[in-house]
Amino acid sequence: MSRGGAGNMLGVGGTRQHLGRKALRGGRRDGRVGGGLDPQAQKRELLRKLQEQRKEQQKQQEEREDREDRDGGGSGQESRP
């Protein structure tokens, strides 16, 4: 039986790898040990930023609409007699 022919069973077959100190302490491929954000934390941070941006855009849109209402109509055209 070949090494790679185990299908989807993880940890079966393949070459062995001696773990270095970085890997044992949770280091990832990018070479940074600790301190970095995990993918789930990155996703949460991006989602938080997106929500803040949308909230700010909505606030600006409401302010524009309020200004148009105070200035006499939202169409931007003068009424003709």
PDB file of N, CA and C in Angstrom:
ATOM      1  N   MET A   1       0.835  -1.168   0.000  1.00  0.00           N
ATOM      2  CA  MET A   1       0.000   0.000   0.000  1.00  0.00           C
ATOM      3  C   MET A   1       0.889   1.243   0.000  1.00  0.00           C
ATOM      4  N   SER A   2       0.519   2.224  -0.802  1.00  0.00           N
ATOM      5  CA  SER A   2       1.353   3.409  -0.905  1.00  0.00           C
ATOM      6  C   SER A   2       1.058   4.381   0.244  1.00  0.00           C
ATOM      7  N   ARG A   3       1.979   5.268   0.503  1.00  0.00           N
ATOM      8  CA  ARG A   3       1.835   6.209   1.614  1.00  0.00           C
ATOM      9  C   ARG A   3       0.689   7.194   1.392  1.00  0.00           C
ATOM     10  N   GLY A   4       0.572   7.722   0.194  1.00  0.00           N
ATOM     11  CA  GLY A   4      -0.416   8.753  -0.067  1.00  0.00           C
ATOM     12  C   GLY A   4      -1.784   8.231  -0.419  1.00  0.00           C
ATOM     13  N   GLY A   5      -1.985   6.925  -0.430  1.00  0.00           N
ATOM     14  CA  GLY A   5      -3.249   6.367  -0.872  1.00  0.00           C
ATOM     15  C   GLY A   5      -4.267   6.187   0.233  1.00  0.00           C
ATOM     16  N   ALA A   6      -4.204   7.004   1.266  1.00  0.00           N
ATOM     17  CA  ALA A   6      -5.111   6.827   2.395  1.00  0.00           C
ATOM     18  C   ALA A   6      -6.379   7.652   2.233  1.00  0.00           C
ATOM     19  N   GLY A   7      -6.559   8.278   1.113  1.00  0.00           N
ATOM     20  CA  GLY A   7      -7.759   9.063   0.902  1.00  0.00           C
ATOM     21  C   GLY A   7      -7.751  10.331   1.741  1.00  0.00           C
ATOM     22  N   ASN A   8      -8.822  10.547   2.490  1.00  0.00           N
ATOM     23  CA  ASN A   8      -8.953  11.762   3.271  1.00  0.00           C
ATOM     24  C   ASN A   8      -8.564  11.594   4.732  1.00  0.00           C
ATOM     25  N   MET A   9      -7.944  10.499   5.072  1.00  0.00           N
ATOM     26  CA  MET A   9      -7.593  10.258   6.474  1.00  0.00           C
ATOM     27  C   MET A   9      -6.347  11.067   6.823  1.00  0.00           C
ATOM     28  N   LEU A  10      -6.538  12.058   7.663  1.00  0.00           N
ATOM     29  CA  LEU A  10      -5.422  12.919   8.030  1.00  0.00           C
ATOM     30  C   LEU A  10      -4.474  12.193   8.969  1.00  0.00           C
ATOM     31  N   GLY A  11      -3.215  12.479   8.829  1.00  0.00           N
ATOM     32  CA  GLY A  11      -2.227  11.904   9.720  1.00  0.00           C
ATOM     33  C   GLY A  11      -1.790  10.503   9.332  1.00  0.00           C
ATOM     34  N   VAL A  12      -2.292   9.983   8.243  1.00  0.00           N
ATOM     35  CA  VAL A  12      -1.912   8.641   7.820  1.00  0.00           C
ATOM     36  C   VAL A  12      -1.053   8.767   6.578  1.00  0.00           C
ATOM     37  N   GLY A  13       0.104   8.168   6.610  1.00  0.00           N
ATOM     38  CA  GLY A  13       0.997   8.227   5.463  1.00  0.00           C
ATOM     39  C   GLY A  13       1.714   9.558   5.386  1.00  0.00           C
ATOM     40  N   GLY A  14       2.370   9.798   4.299  1.00  0.00           N
ATOM     41  CA  GLY A  14       3.109  11.040   4.128  1.00  0.00           C
ATOM     42  C   GLY A  14       4.452  10.993   4.826  1.00  0.00           C
ATOM     43  N   THR A  15       5.191  12.061   4.698  1.00  0.00           N
ATOM     44  CA  THR A  15       6.511  12.104   5.319  1.00  0.00           C
ATOM     45  C   THR A  15       6.404  12.677   6.722  1.00  0.00           C
ATOM     46  N   ARG A  16       7.284  12.257   7.557  1.00  0.00           N
ATOM     47  CA  ARG A  16       7.296  12.777   8.920  1.00  0.00           C
ATOM     48  C   ARG A  16       8.005  14.115   8.937  1.00  0.00           C
ATOM     49  N   GLN A  17       7.589  14.926   9.877  1.00  0.00           N
ATOM     50  CA  GLN A  17       8.225  16.232   9.984  1.00  0.00           C
ATOM     51  C   GLN A  17       8.580  16.458  11.446  1.00  0.00           C
ATOM     52  N   HIS A  18       9.840  16.785  11.672  1.00  0.00           N
ATOM     53  CA  HIS A  18      10.257  17.108  13.028  1.00  0.00           C
ATOM     54  C   HIS A  18       9.819  18.531  13.312  1.00  0.00           C
ATOM     55  N   LEU A  19       9.082  18.718  14.371  1.00  0.00           N
ATOM     56  CA  LEU A  19       8.557  20.029  14.691  1.00  0.00           C
ATOM     57  C   LEU A  19       9.626  20.886  15.337  1.00  0.00           C
ATOM     58  N   GLY A  20       9.740  22.087  14.831  1.00  0.00           N
ATOM     59  CA  GLY A  20      10.670  23.039  15.409  1.00  0.00           C
ATOM     60  C   GLY A  20      10.048  23.745  16.601  1.00  0.00           C
ATOM     61  N   ARG A  21      10.852  24.569  17.231  1.00  0.00           N
ATOM     62  CA  ARG A  21      10.390  25.286  18.422  1.00  0.00           C
ATOM     63  C   ARG A  21       9.217  26.205  18.103  1.00  0.00           C
ATOM     64  N   LYS A  22       9.260  26.872  16.953  1.00  0.00           N
ATOM     65  CA  LYS A  22       8.182  27.781  16.561  1.00  0.00           C
ATOM     66  C   LYS A  22       6.867  27.026  16.405  1.00  0.00           C
ATOM     67  N   ALA A  23       6.917  25.888  15.747  1.00  0.00           N
ATOM     68  CA  ALA A  23       5.702  25.115  15.514  1.00  0.00           C
ATOM     69  C   ALA A  23       5.130  24.589  16.822  1.00  0.00           C
ATOM     70  N   LEU A  24       5.992  24.206  17.738  1.00  0.00           N
ATOM     71  CA  LEU A  24       5.524  23.702  19.018  1.00  0.00           C
ATOM     72  C   LEU A  24       4.851  24.792  19.840  1.00  0.00           C
ATOM     73  N   ARG A  25       5.253  26.027  19.625  1.00  0.00           N
ATOM     74  CA  ARG A  25       4.677  27.141  20.386  1.00  0.00           C
ATOM     75  C   ARG A  25       3.522  27.813  19.635  1.00  0.00           C
ATOM     76  N   GLY A  26       3.038  27.180  18.586  1.00  0.00           N
ATOM     77  CA  GLY A  26       1.870  27.703  17.879  1.00  0.00           C
ATOM     78  C   GLY A  26       2.202  28.618  16.728  1.00  0.00           C
ATOM     79  N   GLY A  27       3.431  28.587  16.253  1.00  0.00           N
ATOM     80  CA  GLY A  27       3.816  29.429  15.127  1.00  0.00           C
ATOM     81  C   GLY A  27       3.146  28.964  13.853  1.00  0.00           C
ATOM     82  N   ARG A  28       2.823  29.902  12.991  1.00  0.00           N
ATOM     83  CA  ARG A  28       2.172  29.564  11.734  1.00  0.00           C
ATOM     84  C   ARG A  28       3.171  29.667  10.592  1.00  0.00           C
ATOM     85  N   ARG A  29       2.667  29.479   9.382  1.00  0.00           N
ATOM     86  CA  ARG A  29       3.532  29.472   8.204  1.00  0.00           C
ATOM     87  C   ARG A  29       4.222  30.805   7.969  1.00  0.00           C
ATOM     88  N   ASP A  30       3.575  31.904   8.395  1.00  0.00           N
ATOM     89  CA  ASP A  30       4.162  33.206   8.111  1.00  0.00           C
ATOM     90  C   ASP A  30       5.406  33.493   8.948  1.00  0.00           C
ATOM     91  N   GLY A  31       5.746  32.603   9.879  1.00  0.00           N
ATOM     92  CA  GLY A  31       6.984  32.741  10.621  1.00  0.00           C
ATOM     93  C   GLY A  31       6.863  33.541  11.903  1.00  0.00           C
ATOM     94  N   ARG A  32       5.704  34.103  12.179  1.00  0.00           N
ATOM     95  CA  ARG A  32       5.532  34.867  13.405  1.00  0.00           C
ATOM     96  C   ARG A  32       5.114  33.921  14.520  1.00  0.00           C
ATOM     97  N   VAL A  33       5.741  34.071  15.657  1.00  0.00           N
ATOM     98  CA  VAL A  33       5.408  33.244  16.801  1.00  0.00           C
ATOM     99  C   VAL A  33       4.504  34.040  17.715  1.00  0.00           C
ATOM    100  N   GLY A  34       3.322  33.521  17.977  1.00  0.00           N
ATOM    101  CA  GLY A  34       2.389  34.189  18.870  1.00  0.00           C
ATOM    102  C   GLY A  34       2.033  35.577  18.379  1.00  0.00           C
ATOM    103  N   GLY A  35       1.276  36.314  19.130  1.00  0.00           N
ATOM    104  CA  GLY A  35       1.000  37.715  18.834  1.00  0.00           C
ATOM    105  C   GLY A  35       0.133  37.985  17.626  1.00  0.00           C
ATOM    106  N   GLY A  36       0.153  37.125  16.637  1.00  0.00           N
ATOM    107  CA  GLY A  36      -0.642  37.357  15.440  1.00  0.00           C
ATOM    108  C   GLY A  36      -2.095  36.982  15.671  1.00  0.00           C
ATOM    109  N   LEU A  37      -2.981  37.565  14.877  1.00  0.00           N
ATOM    110  CA  LEU A  37      -4.395  37.240  15.002  1.00  0.00           C
ATOM    111  C   LEU A  37      -4.697  35.933  14.280  1.00  0.00           C
ATOM    112  N   ASP A  38      -5.512  35.123  14.901  1.00  0.00           N
ATOM    113  CA  ASP A  38      -5.934  33.908  14.226  1.00  0.00           C
ATOM    114  C   ASP A  38      -6.978  34.277  13.169  1.00  0.00           C
ATOM    115  N   PRO A  39      -7.250  33.411  12.212  1.00  0.00           N
ATOM    116  CA  PRO A  39      -8.177  33.741  11.124  1.00  0.00           C
ATOM    117  C   PRO A  39      -9.556  34.177  11.612  1.00  0.00           C
ATOM    118  N   GLN A  40     -10.060  33.557  12.660  1.00  0.00           N
ATOM    119  CA  GLN A  40     -11.379  33.922  13.170  1.00  0.00           C
ATOM    120  C   GLN A  40     -11.364  35.343  13.736  1.00  0.00           C
ATOM    121  N   ALA A  41     -10.287  35.713  14.417  1.00  0.00           N
ATOM    122  CA  ALA A  41     -10.175  37.064  14.964  1.00  0.00           C
ATOM    123  C   ALA A  41     -10.043  38.091  13.839  1.00  0.00           C
ATOM    124  N   GLN A  42      -9.313  37.741  12.791  1.00  0.00           N
ATOM    125  CA  GLN A  42      -9.194  38.637  11.640  1.00  0.00           C
ATOM    126  C   GLN A  42     -10.558  38.868  11.008  1.00  0.00           C
ATOM    127  N   LYS A  43     -11.345  37.807  10.887  1.00  0.00           N
ATOM    128  CA  LYS A  43     -12.676  37.914  10.289  1.00  0.00           C
ATOM    129  C   LYS A  43     -13.568  38.820  11.146  1.00  0.00           C
ATOM    130  N   ARG A  44     -13.517  38.637  12.459  1.00  0.00           N
ATOM    131  CA  ARG A  44     -14.311  39.488  13.354  1.00  0.00           C
ATOM    132  C   ARG A  44     -13.915  40.949  13.224  1.00  0.00           C
ATOM    133  N   GLU A  45     -12.612  41.205  13.126  1.00  0.00           N
ATOM    134  CA  GLU A  45     -12.122  42.582  13.003  1.00  0.00           C
ATOM    135  C   GLU A  45     -12.586  43.213  11.691  1.00  0.00           C
ATOM    136  N   LEU A  46     -12.496  42.474  10.600  1.00  0.00           N
ATOM    137  CA  LEU A  46     -12.954  42.983   9.310  1.00  0.00           C
ATOM    138  C   LEU A  46     -14.454  43.260   9.328  1.00  0.00           C
ATOM    139  N   LEU A  47     -15.216  42.372   9.945  1.00  0.00           N
ATOM    140  CA  LEU A  47     -16.659  42.551  10.035  1.00  0.00           C
ATOM    141  C   LEU A  47     -16.998  43.799  10.857  1.00  0.00           C
ATOM    142  N   ARG A  48     -16.270  44.010  11.952  1.00  0.00           N
ATOM    143  CA  ARG A  48     -16.497  45.189  12.790  1.00  0.00           C
ATOM    144  C   ARG A  48     -16.219  46.465  12.006  1.00  0.00           C
ATOM    145  N   LYS A  49     -15.127  46.494  11.250  1.00  0.00           N
ATOM    146  CA  LYS A  49     -14.790  47.667  10.449  1.00  0.00           C
ATOM    147  C   LYS A  49     -15.851  47.932   9.379  1.00  0.00           C
ATOM    148  N   LEU A  50     -16.308  46.869   8.733  1.00  0.00           N
ATOM    149  CA  LEU A  50     -17.333  47.010   7.694  1.00  0.00           C
ATOM    150  C   LEU A  50     -18.621  47.576   8.284  1.00  0.00           C
ATOM    151  N   GLN A  51     -19.016  47.074   9.441  1.00  0.00           N
ATOM    152  CA  GLN A  51     -20.231  47.572  10.083  1.00  0.00           C
ATOM    153  C   GLN A  51     -20.087  49.041  10.458  1.00  0.00           C
ATOM    154  N   GLU A  52     -18.912  49.431  10.947  1.00  0.00           N
ATOM    155  CA  GLU A  52     -18.681  50.843  11.288  1.00  0.00           C
ATOM    156  C   GLU A  52     -18.777  51.726  10.049  1.00  0.00           C
ATOM    157  N   GLN A  53     -18.194  51.283   8.946  1.00  0.00           N
ATOM    158  CA  GLN A  53     -18.240  52.062   7.705  1.00  0.00           C
ATOM    159  C   GLN A  53     -19.675  52.213   7.218  1.00  0.00           C
ATOM    160  N   ARG A  54     -20.439  51.144   7.264  1.00  0.00           N
ATOM    161  CA  ARG A  54     -21.831  51.212   6.802  1.00  0.00           C
ATOM    162  C   ARG A  54     -22.662  52.121   7.702  1.00  0.00           C
ATOM    163  N   LYS A  55     -22.415  52.072   8.999  1.00  0.00           N
ATOM    164  CA  LYS A  55     -23.139  52.923   9.924  1.00  0.00           C
ATOM    165  C   LYS A  55     -22.820  54.395   9.646  1.00  0.00           C
ATOM    166  N   GLU A  56     -21.552  54.680   9.368  1.00  0.00           N
ATOM    167  CA  GLU A  56     -21.137  56.050   9.056  1.00  0.00           C
ATOM    168  C   GLU A  56     -21.772  56.523   7.748  1.00  0.00           C
ATOM    169  N   GLN A  57     -21.808  55.665   6.733  1.00  0.00           N
ATOM    170  CA  GLN A  57     -22.431  56.034   5.461  1.00  0.00           C
ATOM    171  C   GLN A  57     -23.924  56.288   5.636  1.00  0.00           C
ATOM    172  N   GLN A  58     -24.571  55.475   6.437  1.00  0.00           N
ATOM    173  CA  GLN A  58     -26.003  55.650   6.675  1.00  0.00           C
ATOM    174  C   GLN A  58     -26.256  56.981   7.394  1.00  0.00           C
ATOM    175  N   LYS A  59     -25.406  57.308   8.341  1.00  0.00           N
ATOM    176  CA  LYS A  59     -25.529  58.569   9.073  1.00  0.00           C
ATOM    177  C   LYS A  59     -25.365  59.758   8.126  1.00  0.00           C
ATOM    178  N   GLN A  60     -24.381  59.696   7.233  1.00  0.00           N
ATOM    179  CA  GLN A  60     -24.162  60.779   6.270  1.00  0.00           C
ATOM    180  C   GLN A  60     -25.346  60.908   5.315  1.00  0.00           C
ATOM    181  N   GLN A  61     -25.902  59.777   4.886  1.00  0.00           N
ATOM    182  CA  GLN A  61     -27.057  59.793   3.984  1.00  0.00           C
ATOM    183  C   GLN A  61     -28.251  60.457   4.669  1.00  0.00           C
ATOM    184  N   GLU A  62     -28.484  60.119   5.931  1.00  0.00           N
ATOM    185  CA  GLU A  62     -29.592  60.723   6.671  1.00  0.00           C
ATOM    186  C   GLU A  62     -29.389  62.230   6.840  1.00  0.00           C
ATOM    187  N   GLU A  63     -28.146  62.645   7.079  1.00  0.00           N
ATOM    188  CA  GLU A  63     -27.863  64.080   7.210  1.00  0.00           C
ATOM    189  C   GLU A  63     -28.139  64.806   5.895  1.00  0.00           C
ATOM    190  N   ARG A  64     -27.768  64.188   4.768  1.00  0.00           N
ATOM    191  CA  ARG A  64     -28.032  64.797   3.462  1.00  0.00           C
ATOM    192  C   ARG A  64     -29.533  64.947   3.227  1.00  0.00           C
ATOM    193  N   GLU A  65     -30.281  63.911   3.547  1.00  0.00           N
ATOM    194  CA  GLU A  65     -31.734  63.953   3.359  1.00  0.00           C
ATOM    195  C   GLU A  65     -32.363  65.023   4.247  1.00  0.00           C
ATOM    196  N   ASP A  66     -31.890  65.156   5.476  1.00  0.00           N
ATOM    197  CA  ASP A  66     -32.407  66.186   6.380  1.00  0.00           C
ATOM    198  C   ASP A  66     -32.133  67.585   5.826  1.00  0.00           C
ATOM    199  N   ARG A  67     -30.930  67.785   5.288  1.00  0.00           N
ATOM    200  CA  ARG A  67     -30.582  69.089   4.710  1.00  0.00           C
ATOM    201  C   ARG A  67     -31.474  69.412   3.512  1.00  0.00           C
ATOM    202  N   GLU A  68     -31.717  68.408   2.656  1.00  0.00           N
ATOM    203  CA  GLU A  68     -32.567  68.615   1.481  1.00  0.00           C
ATOM    204  C   GLU A  68     -33.990  68.955   1.901  1.00  0.00           C
ATOM    205  N   ASP A  69     -34.483  68.320   2.944  1.00  0.00           N
ATOM    206  CA  ASP A  69     -35.836  68.595   3.433  1.00  0.00           C
ATOM    207  C   ASP A  69     -35.931  70.020   3.977  1.00  0.00           C
ATOM    208  N   ARG A  70     -34.903  70.475   4.674  1.00  0.00           N
ATOM    209  CA  ARG A  70     -34.920  71.821   5.231  1.00  0.00           C
ATOM    210  C   ARG A  70     -34.781  72.886   4.148  1.00  0.00           C
ATOM    211  N   ASP A  71     -34.081  72.565   3.071  1.00  0.00           N
ATOM    212  CA  ASP A  71     -33.835  73.541   2.005  1.00  0.00           C
ATOM    213  C   ASP A  71     -35.026  73.669   1.059  1.00  0.00           C
ATOM    214  N   GLY A  72     -36.063  72.927   1.259  1.00  0.00           N
ATOM    215  CA  GLY A  72     -37.255  73.076   0.430  1.00  0.00           C
ATOM    216  C   GLY A  72     -37.393  72.024  -0.635  1.00  0.00           C
ATOM    217  N   GLY A  73     -37.564  70.813  -0.246  1.00  0.00           N
ATOM    218  CA  GLY A  73     -37.798  69.745  -1.226  1.00  0.00           C
ATOM    219  C   GLY A  73     -36.529  68.987  -1.536  1.00  0.00           C
ATOM    220  N   GLY A  74     -36.711  67.733  -1.864  1.00  0.00           N
ATOM    221  CA  GLY A  74     -35.562  66.888  -2.136  1.00  0.00           C
ATOM    222  C   GLY A  74     -35.275  66.711  -3.604  1.00  0.00           C
ATOM    223  N   SER A  75     -36.076  67.357  -4.492  1.00  0.00           N
ATOM    224  CA  SER A  75     -35.900  67.115  -5.922  1.00  0.00           C
ATOM    225  C   SER A  75     -34.738  67.915  -6.489  1.00  0.00           C
ATOM    226  N   GLY A  76     -34.412  69.038  -5.850  1.00  0.00           N
ATOM    227  CA  GLY A  76     -33.299  69.856  -6.354  1.00  0.00           C
ATOM    228  C   GLY A  76     -33.714  70.761  -7.494  1.00  0.00           C
ATOM    229  N   GLN A  77     -34.975  70.805  -7.859  1.00  0.00           N
ATOM    230  CA  GLN A  77     -35.457  71.659  -8.944  1.00  0.00           C
ATOM    231  C   GLN A  77     -36.399  72.698  -8.371  1.00  0.00           C
ATOM    232  N   GLU A  78     -36.378  73.896  -8.963  1.00  0.00           N
ATOM    233  CA  GLU A  78     -37.287  74.933  -8.510  1.00  0.00           C
ATOM    234  C   GLU A  78     -38.668  74.708  -9.104  1.00  0.00           C
ATOM    235  N   SER A  79     -39.703  75.078  -8.343  1.00  0.00           N
ATOM    236  CA  SER A  79     -41.055  74.920  -8.868  1.00  0.00           C
ATOM    237  C   SER A  79     -41.377  76.089  -9.789  1.00  0.00           C
ATOM    238  N   ARG A  80     -42.117  75.810 -10.857  1.00  0.00           N
ATOM    239  CA  ARG A  80     -42.476  76.842 -11.836  1.00  0.00           C
ATOM    240  C   ARG A  80     -43.920  77.269 -11.600  1.00  0.00           C
ATOM    241  N   PRO A  81     -44.251  78.587 -11.805  1.00  0.00           N
ATOM    242  CA  PRO A  81     -45.631  79.051 -11.612  1.00  0.00           C
ATOM    243  C   PRO A  81     -46.582  78.606 -12.698  1.00  0.00           C
TER     244      PRO A  81
END
